[in-house]
Amino acid sequence: MTITTAAVQLRHFTLPLPAGLPLLNANQRTHYAVRARLTATIRSAAMEAVAEDATLMAALAAAKPGPLYTRAHILGILHPPTRRRADPANWYPSFKAAVDGIVDAGVLEDDDHTRVIGPDMRIGTVVKGGRIVLVVRGLEPGEQWPNLQAVAS
């Protein structure tokens, strides 16, 4: 399966989640029920963010019945609430939940290693309340980003 015509027109998109959304941190020792509730909230927020983007929804409609992208590179940007030092990789559980939300929305068929490179987590500018943003770039069949074959061998 190749990238659809709509996906070619929409080579990449940026999906900001709401500022102030409670996020999961790998260093937290959260009760499993609280963790599950936060995961569901982030996943749902990502689906809603897709649904609120008219351009993205038009591309998804044009790609039907399949997903928008067959493969993608995902960059995750953590916009912390303060200037304190932060390790964006600690927010991986939040990024994972957001990626699951865009899969639920139909952007990708699944988020396994054959379809997704990333999420690569980076730090962004300070945003009141904190926020995560996904930058999704569709990949052509066989395209690697970056040249992962050279690194993996």
N, C-alpha and C. Protein backbone atom coordinates (compact mmCIF):
# COMPACT_ATOMS: atom_id res chain seq x y z
N MET A 1 0.84 -1.18 0.00
CA MET A 1 0.00 0.00 0.00
C MET A 1 0.89 1.24 0.00
N THR A 2 0.56 2.19 -0.80
CA THR A 2 1.36 3.41 -0.90
C THR A 2 0.64 4.56 -0.23
N ILE A 3 1.35 5.66 -0.12
CA ILE A 3 0.74 6.87 0.44
C ILE A 3 -0.36 7.34 -0.51
N THR A 4 -1.50 7.69 0.04
CA THR A 4 -2.63 8.10 -0.78
C THR A 4 -2.39 9.48 -1.39
N THR A 5 -3.22 9.83 -2.38
CA THR A 5 -3.13 11.15 -3.02
C THR A 5 -3.32 12.26 -1.98
N ALA A 6 -4.27 12.07 -1.06
CA ALA A 6 -4.51 13.09 -0.03
C ALA A 6 -3.30 13.23 0.87
N ALA A 7 -2.64 12.10 1.17
CA ALA A 7 -1.47 12.15 2.04
C ALA A 7 -0.30 12.85 1.36
N VAL A 8 -0.20 12.70 0.03
CA VAL A 8 0.86 13.39 -0.69
C VAL A 8 0.63 14.90 -0.56
N GLN A 9 -0.62 15.32 -0.65
CA GLN A 9 -0.92 16.74 -0.49
C GLN A 9 -0.66 17.19 0.95
N LEU A 10 -0.83 16.29 1.90
CA LEU A 10 -0.62 16.58 3.31
C LEU A 10 0.58 15.74 3.77
N ARG A 11 1.77 16.15 3.35
CA ARG A 11 3.00 15.39 3.63
C ARG A 11 3.29 15.33 5.12
N HIS A 12 2.94 16.37 5.85
CA HIS A 12 3.15 16.37 7.29
C HIS A 12 2.12 17.29 7.94
N PHE A 13 1.93 17.09 9.23
CA PHE A 13 1.04 17.97 9.98
C PHE A 13 1.52 18.06 11.42
N THR A 14 1.12 19.13 12.06
CA THR A 14 1.44 19.37 13.46
C THR A 14 0.16 19.28 14.26
N LEU A 15 0.19 18.48 15.33
CA LEU A 15 -1.00 18.25 16.13
C LEU A 15 -0.73 18.65 17.59
N PRO A 16 -1.10 19.88 17.97
CA PRO A 16 -0.92 20.29 19.37
C PRO A 16 -2.07 19.77 20.23
N LEU A 17 -1.73 19.22 21.37
CA LEU A 17 -2.75 18.83 22.33
C LEU A 17 -3.02 20.02 23.24
N PRO A 18 -4.15 20.06 23.93
CA PRO A 18 -4.49 21.24 24.74
C PRO A 18 -3.45 21.53 25.82
N ALA A 19 -3.16 22.79 26.02
CA ALA A 19 -2.28 23.19 27.13
C ALA A 19 -2.98 22.89 28.44
N GLY A 20 -2.21 22.45 29.42
CA GLY A 20 -2.77 22.14 30.73
C GLY A 20 -3.33 20.74 30.86
N LEU A 21 -3.31 19.97 29.78
CA LEU A 21 -3.77 18.58 29.83
C LEU A 21 -2.87 17.81 30.79
N PRO A 22 -3.42 17.08 31.76
CA PRO A 22 -2.56 16.32 32.67
C PRO A 22 -1.76 15.27 31.87
N LEU A 23 -0.45 15.24 32.10
CA LEU A 23 0.42 14.34 31.35
C LEU A 23 0.99 13.26 32.26
N LEU A 24 1.41 12.17 31.63
CA LEU A 24 2.06 11.07 32.34
C LEU A 24 3.56 11.20 32.22
N ASN A 25 4.26 10.94 33.31
CA ASN A 25 5.71 10.99 33.35
C ASN A 25 6.19 9.61 33.80
N ALA A 26 7.22 9.08 33.15
CA ALA A 26 7.73 7.75 33.49
C ALA A 26 8.26 7.68 34.91
N ASN A 27 8.60 8.81 35.51
CA ASN A 27 9.13 8.83 36.87
C ASN A 27 8.02 8.82 37.93
N GLN A 28 6.78 9.03 37.53
CA GLN A 28 5.68 9.03 38.48
C GLN A 28 5.38 7.61 38.93
N ARG A 29 5.01 7.46 40.17
CA ARG A 29 4.56 6.17 40.69
C ARG A 29 3.06 6.31 40.94
N THR A 30 2.32 6.23 39.85
CA THR A 30 0.88 6.49 39.88
C THR A 30 0.11 5.18 40.00
N HIS A 31 -0.97 5.22 40.76
CA HIS A 31 -1.86 4.05 40.87
C HIS A 31 -2.34 3.66 39.47
N TYR A 32 -2.47 2.38 39.22
CA TYR A 32 -2.80 1.91 37.87
C TYR A 32 -4.12 2.48 37.35
N ALA A 33 -5.09 2.69 38.23
CA ALA A 33 -6.38 3.23 37.79
C ALA A 33 -6.24 4.69 37.37
N VAL A 34 -5.46 5.46 38.11
CA VAL A 34 -5.22 6.86 37.76
C VAL A 34 -4.44 6.92 36.45
N ARG A 35 -3.43 6.06 36.32
CA ARG A 35 -2.63 6.01 35.10
C ARG A 35 -3.50 5.67 33.89
N ALA A 36 -4.40 4.71 34.05
CA ALA A 36 -5.29 4.32 32.95
C ALA A 36 -6.22 5.47 32.57
N ARG A 37 -6.71 6.21 33.54
CA ARG A 37 -7.60 7.34 33.28
C ARG A 37 -6.85 8.45 32.54
N LEU A 38 -5.61 8.75 32.97
CA LEU A 38 -4.81 9.77 32.30
C LEU A 38 -4.46 9.35 30.87
N THR A 39 -4.12 8.08 30.70
CA THR A 39 -3.82 7.56 29.36
C THR A 39 -5.03 7.72 28.43
N ALA A 40 -6.20 7.37 28.93
CA ALA A 40 -7.42 7.51 28.13
C ALA A 40 -7.71 8.97 27.80
N THR A 41 -7.45 9.86 28.74
CA THR A 41 -7.68 11.29 28.51
C THR A 41 -6.77 11.83 27.42
N ILE A 42 -5.48 11.47 27.46
CA ILE A 42 -4.52 11.94 26.45
C ILE A 42 -4.87 11.34 25.09
N ARG A 43 -5.20 10.06 25.07
CA ARG A 43 -5.56 9.38 23.82
C ARG A 43 -6.78 10.04 23.19
N SER A 44 -7.78 10.33 24.01
CA SER A 44 -8.99 10.99 23.53
C SER A 44 -8.71 12.41 23.05
N ALA A 45 -7.83 13.13 23.75
CA ALA A 45 -7.48 14.49 23.34
C ALA A 45 -6.80 14.49 21.98
N ALA A 46 -5.97 13.49 21.71
CA ALA A 46 -5.32 13.40 20.40
C ALA A 46 -6.36 13.13 19.30
N MET A 47 -7.30 12.24 19.57
CA MET A 47 -8.37 11.97 18.59
C MET A 47 -9.18 13.24 18.33
N GLU A 48 -9.51 13.97 19.39
CA GLU A 48 -10.27 15.21 19.24
C GLU A 48 -9.49 16.25 18.46
N ALA A 49 -8.18 16.33 18.69
CA ALA A 49 -7.35 17.30 17.97
C ALA A 49 -7.35 16.99 16.48
N VAL A 50 -7.34 15.71 16.12
CA VAL A 50 -7.43 15.31 14.71
C VAL A 50 -8.79 15.74 14.16
N ALA A 51 -9.85 15.44 14.90
CA ALA A 51 -11.21 15.74 14.44
C ALA A 51 -11.46 17.25 14.28
N GLU A 52 -10.75 18.08 15.03
CA GLU A 52 -10.94 19.53 14.97
C GLU A 52 -10.14 20.19 13.86
N ASP A 53 -9.26 19.46 13.21
CA ASP A 53 -8.43 20.00 12.14
C ASP A 53 -9.10 19.70 10.80
N ALA A 54 -9.69 20.72 10.18
CA ALA A 54 -10.46 20.54 8.95
C ALA A 54 -9.61 19.99 7.81
N THR A 55 -8.38 20.46 7.67
CA THR A 55 -7.50 19.98 6.60
C THR A 55 -7.17 18.51 6.80
N LEU A 56 -6.87 18.15 8.01
CA LEU A 56 -6.55 16.76 8.33
C LEU A 56 -7.77 15.86 8.12
N MET A 57 -8.94 16.33 8.50
CA MET A 57 -10.16 15.53 8.30
C MET A 57 -10.46 15.35 6.81
N ALA A 58 -10.22 16.37 6.00
CA ALA A 58 -10.43 16.25 4.55
C ALA A 58 -9.46 15.23 3.96
N ALA A 59 -8.21 15.25 4.42
CA ALA A 59 -7.23 14.28 3.93
C ALA A 59 -7.60 12.87 4.36
N LEU A 60 -8.09 12.72 5.58
CA LEU A 60 -8.53 11.40 6.06
C LEU A 60 -9.72 10.89 5.24
N ALA A 61 -10.65 11.78 4.93
CA ALA A 61 -11.82 11.39 4.14
C ALA A 61 -11.40 10.94 2.74
N ALA A 62 -10.43 11.64 2.16
CA ALA A 62 -9.95 11.28 0.82
C ALA A 62 -9.18 9.97 0.83
N ALA A 63 -8.58 9.63 1.96
CA ALA A 63 -7.78 8.41 2.06
C ALA A 63 -8.63 7.17 2.31
N LYS A 64 -9.89 7.33 2.67
CA LYS A 64 -10.75 6.20 3.00
C LYS A 64 -10.82 5.22 1.85
N PRO A 65 -10.87 3.93 2.08
CA PRO A 65 -11.10 3.27 3.36
C PRO A 65 -9.83 3.02 4.16
N GLY A 66 -8.68 3.35 3.65
CA GLY A 66 -7.43 3.08 4.36
C GLY A 66 -7.00 4.24 5.24
N PRO A 67 -5.85 4.08 5.91
CA PRO A 67 -5.33 5.16 6.74
C PRO A 67 -4.73 6.26 5.89
N LEU A 68 -4.47 7.40 6.50
CA LEU A 68 -3.87 8.52 5.80
C LEU A 68 -2.44 8.19 5.36
N TYR A 69 -1.66 7.57 6.25
CA TYR A 69 -0.29 7.19 5.94
C TYR A 69 -0.09 5.70 6.18
N THR A 70 0.72 5.08 5.36
CA THR A 70 1.09 3.70 5.62
C THR A 70 2.28 3.65 6.57
N ARG A 71 3.14 4.68 6.49
CA ARG A 71 4.31 4.79 7.37
C ARG A 71 4.52 6.26 7.70
N ALA A 72 5.09 6.51 8.89
CA ALA A 72 5.31 7.90 9.29
C ALA A 72 6.46 8.00 10.29
N HIS A 73 7.06 9.19 10.31
CA HIS A 73 8.02 9.56 11.34
C HIS A 73 7.29 10.53 12.26
N ILE A 74 7.38 10.30 13.57
CA ILE A 74 6.69 11.15 14.53
C ILE A 74 7.71 11.82 15.45
N LEU A 75 7.62 13.13 15.51
CA LEU A 75 8.42 13.93 16.41
C LEU A 75 7.49 14.40 17.53
N GLY A 76 7.87 14.15 18.76
CA GLY A 76 7.09 14.59 19.90
C GLY A 76 7.78 15.75 20.59
N ILE A 77 7.10 16.86 20.75
CA ILE A 77 7.68 18.04 21.38
C ILE A 77 6.98 18.30 22.70
N LEU A 78 7.78 18.33 23.77
CA LEU A 78 7.27 18.67 25.09
C LEU A 78 7.49 20.16 25.31
N HIS A 79 6.39 20.88 25.50
CA HIS A 79 6.46 22.30 25.87
C HIS A 79 6.21 22.35 27.38
N PRO A 80 7.28 22.48 28.17
CA PRO A 80 7.11 22.43 29.63
C PRO A 80 6.41 23.68 30.17
N PRO A 81 5.85 23.55 31.37
CA PRO A 81 5.15 24.69 31.96
C PRO A 81 6.10 25.72 32.58
N THR A 82 7.35 25.34 32.83
CA THR A 82 8.33 26.25 33.44
C THR A 82 9.67 26.12 32.72
N ARG A 83 10.61 27.00 33.09
CA ARG A 83 11.94 26.97 32.49
C ARG A 83 12.87 25.96 33.16
N ARG A 84 12.39 25.23 34.12
CA ARG A 84 13.24 24.25 34.81
C ARG A 84 13.76 23.22 33.81
N ARG A 85 14.88 22.63 34.13
CA ARG A 85 15.43 21.59 33.26
C ARG A 85 14.43 20.44 33.18
N ALA A 86 14.33 19.86 32.00
CA ALA A 86 13.38 18.76 31.81
C ALA A 86 13.98 17.74 30.86
N ASP A 87 13.60 16.50 31.05
CA ASP A 87 14.01 15.40 30.18
C ASP A 87 12.77 14.96 29.41
N PRO A 88 12.64 15.37 28.14
CA PRO A 88 11.40 15.08 27.41
C PRO A 88 11.13 13.58 27.28
N ALA A 89 12.15 12.74 27.34
CA ALA A 89 11.94 11.29 27.23
C ALA A 89 11.13 10.75 28.41
N ASN A 90 11.16 11.45 29.55
CA ASN A 90 10.37 11.00 30.71
C ASN A 90 8.87 11.08 30.45
N TRP A 91 8.47 11.85 29.46
CA TRP A 91 7.05 11.98 29.14
C TRP A 91 6.63 10.98 28.05
N TYR A 92 7.44 9.95 27.82
CA TYR A 92 7.11 8.96 26.80
C TYR A 92 5.70 8.39 26.97
N PRO A 93 5.25 8.06 28.19
CA PRO A 93 3.88 7.52 28.31
C PRO A 93 2.81 8.46 27.73
N SER A 94 3.03 9.77 27.86
CA SER A 94 2.08 10.73 27.28
C SER A 94 2.14 10.72 25.77
N PHE A 95 3.37 10.70 25.22
CA PHE A 95 3.52 10.65 23.76
C PHE A 95 2.92 9.36 23.19
N LYS A 96 3.12 8.24 23.88
CA LYS A 96 2.58 6.95 23.43
C LYS A 96 1.05 7.01 23.39
N ALA A 97 0.45 7.56 24.42
CA ALA A 97 -1.01 7.67 24.44
C ALA A 97 -1.51 8.57 23.31
N ALA A 98 -0.79 9.65 23.02
CA ALA A 98 -1.19 10.55 21.93
C ALA A 98 -1.06 9.85 20.58
N VAL A 99 0.01 9.09 20.38
CA VAL A 99 0.18 8.34 19.13
C VAL A 99 -0.95 7.32 18.99
N ASP A 100 -1.32 6.64 20.06
CA ASP A 100 -2.45 5.71 20.01
C ASP A 100 -3.73 6.44 19.60
N GLY A 101 -3.89 7.68 20.05
CA GLY A 101 -5.06 8.47 19.67
C GLY A 101 -5.11 8.78 18.19
N ILE A 102 -3.94 9.08 17.57
CA ILE A 102 -3.97 9.36 16.13
C ILE A 102 -4.17 8.07 15.33
N VAL A 103 -3.76 6.94 15.89
CA VAL A 103 -4.07 5.65 15.25
C VAL A 103 -5.58 5.42 15.31
N ASP A 104 -6.17 5.66 16.47
CA ASP A 104 -7.63 5.52 16.62
C ASP A 104 -8.38 6.42 15.64
N ALA A 105 -7.80 7.59 15.34
CA ALA A 105 -8.44 8.54 14.43
C ALA A 105 -8.27 8.15 12.95
N GLY A 106 -7.43 7.15 12.66
CA GLY A 106 -7.29 6.69 11.28
C GLY A 106 -6.10 7.26 10.53
N VAL A 107 -5.22 7.98 11.22
CA VAL A 107 -4.05 8.54 10.56
C VAL A 107 -3.10 7.41 10.13
N LEU A 108 -2.94 6.42 10.99
CA LEU A 108 -2.11 5.24 10.72
C LEU A 108 -2.92 3.99 11.02
N GLU A 109 -2.56 2.89 10.37
CA GLU A 109 -3.24 1.63 10.65
C GLU A 109 -2.86 1.11 12.04
N ASP A 110 -1.58 1.27 12.39
CA ASP A 110 -1.06 0.81 13.68
C ASP A 110 0.19 1.62 13.98
N ASP A 111 0.72 1.48 15.17
CA ASP A 111 1.93 2.22 15.52
C ASP A 111 3.11 1.29 15.81
N ASP A 112 3.13 0.14 15.18
CA ASP A 112 4.25 -0.79 15.37
C ASP A 112 5.48 -0.32 14.60
N HIS A 113 6.59 -1.06 14.77
CA HIS A 113 7.86 -0.64 14.18
C HIS A 113 7.89 -0.67 12.66
N THR A 114 6.96 -1.36 12.03
CA THR A 114 6.93 -1.39 10.56
C THR A 114 6.25 -0.16 9.98
N ARG A 115 5.52 0.58 10.82
CA ARG A 115 4.75 1.73 10.34
C ARG A 115 5.19 3.06 10.91
N VAL A 116 5.82 3.05 12.08
CA VAL A 116 6.16 4.30 12.76
C VAL A 116 7.63 4.33 13.16
N ILE A 117 8.27 5.43 12.84
CA ILE A 117 9.60 5.73 13.37
C ILE A 117 9.39 6.82 14.41
N GLY A 118 9.73 6.52 15.64
CA GLY A 118 9.56 7.47 16.73
C GLY A 118 8.52 6.98 17.72
N PRO A 119 7.99 7.79 18.56
CA PRO A 119 8.19 9.24 18.58
C PRO A 119 9.57 9.63 19.12
N ASP A 120 10.20 10.56 18.42
CA ASP A 120 11.45 11.16 18.86
C ASP A 120 11.07 12.36 19.71
N MET A 121 11.47 12.35 20.96
CA MET A 121 11.04 13.39 21.88
C MET A 121 12.06 14.52 22.00
N ARG A 122 11.55 15.75 21.93
CA ARG A 122 12.38 16.95 22.02
C ARG A 122 11.72 17.94 22.97
N ILE A 123 12.51 18.90 23.43
CA ILE A 123 11.99 19.94 24.30
C ILE A 123 11.63 21.16 23.46
N GLY A 124 10.54 21.80 23.80
CA GLY A 124 10.10 23.00 23.09
C GLY A 124 10.12 24.20 24.02
N THR A 125 9.47 25.25 23.60
CA THR A 125 9.40 26.47 24.40
C THR A 125 8.41 26.29 25.55
N VAL A 126 8.51 27.15 26.53
CA VAL A 126 7.61 27.12 27.68
C VAL A 126 6.21 27.51 27.24
N VAL A 127 5.22 26.74 27.68
CA VAL A 127 3.80 27.04 27.44
C VAL A 127 3.10 26.95 28.78
N LYS A 128 2.32 27.95 29.11
CA LYS A 128 1.62 27.95 30.39
C LYS A 128 0.77 26.69 30.51
N GLY A 129 0.98 25.95 31.58
CA GLY A 129 0.25 24.70 31.80
C GLY A 129 0.93 23.49 31.19
N GLY A 130 1.90 23.70 30.29
CA GLY A 130 2.58 22.58 29.62
C GLY A 130 1.73 22.02 28.49
N ARG A 131 2.39 21.37 27.55
CA ARG A 131 1.67 20.82 26.40
C ARG A 131 2.59 19.86 25.66
N ILE A 132 1.99 18.89 24.99
CA ILE A 132 2.76 18.09 24.04
C ILE A 132 2.20 18.31 22.65
N VAL A 133 3.09 18.22 21.67
CA VAL A 133 2.74 18.42 20.27
C VAL A 133 3.34 17.27 19.48
N LEU A 134 2.58 16.72 18.57
CA LEU A 134 3.09 15.70 17.65
C LEU A 134 3.27 16.32 16.28
N VAL A 135 4.42 16.07 15.66
CA VAL A 135 4.67 16.46 14.29
C VAL A 135 4.80 15.16 13.52
N VAL A 136 3.85 14.90 12.62
CA VAL A 136 3.78 13.63 11.90
C VAL A 136 4.14 13.88 10.44
N ARG A 137 5.11 13.13 9.95
CA ARG A 137 5.55 13.25 8.56
C ARG A 137 5.39 11.90 7.88
N GLY A 138 4.59 11.87 6.81
CA GLY A 138 4.39 10.64 6.06
C GLY A 138 5.67 10.22 5.36
N LEU A 139 5.94 8.92 5.33
CA LEU A 139 7.12 8.37 4.68
C LEU A 139 6.70 7.56 3.46
N GLU A 140 7.51 7.65 2.42
CA GLU A 140 7.29 6.82 1.24
C GLU A 140 7.63 5.37 1.59
N PRO A 141 7.07 4.39 0.89
CA PRO A 141 7.45 3.00 1.15
C PRO A 141 8.96 2.81 1.02
N GLY A 142 9.56 2.20 2.04
CA GLY A 142 11.00 1.96 2.02
C GLY A 142 11.84 3.11 2.52
N GLU A 143 11.26 4.32 2.66
CA GLU A 143 12.02 5.49 3.12
C GLU A 143 12.34 5.35 4.60
N GLN A 144 13.57 5.63 4.95
CA GLN A 144 13.99 5.63 6.35
C GLN A 144 14.27 7.06 6.77
N TRP A 145 14.02 7.37 8.04
CA TRP A 145 14.31 8.71 8.54
C TRP A 145 14.84 8.62 9.95
N PRO A 146 16.04 8.95 10.25
CA PRO A 146 17.12 9.13 9.27
C PRO A 146 17.56 7.77 8.74
N ASN A 147 18.75 7.65 8.21
CA ASN A 147 19.21 6.39 7.63
C ASN A 147 19.42 5.36 8.73
N LEU A 148 18.33 4.73 9.15
CA LEU A 148 18.40 3.80 10.28
C LEU A 148 19.10 2.49 9.91
N GLN A 149 19.11 2.12 8.66
CA GLN A 149 19.78 0.88 8.25
C GLN A 149 21.27 0.97 8.57
N ALA A 150 21.90 2.11 8.34
CA ALA A 150 23.33 2.27 8.59
C ALA A 150 23.62 2.19 10.10
N VAL A 151 22.72 2.73 10.90
CA VAL A 151 22.91 2.72 12.35
C VAL A 151 22.65 1.35 12.94
N ALA A 152 21.64 0.65 12.43
CA ALA A 152 21.23 -0.64 12.98
C ALA A 152 22.18 -1.77 12.65
N SER A 153 22.97 -1.65 11.60
CA SER A 153 23.83 -2.79 11.23
C SER A 153 25.15 -2.78 11.95
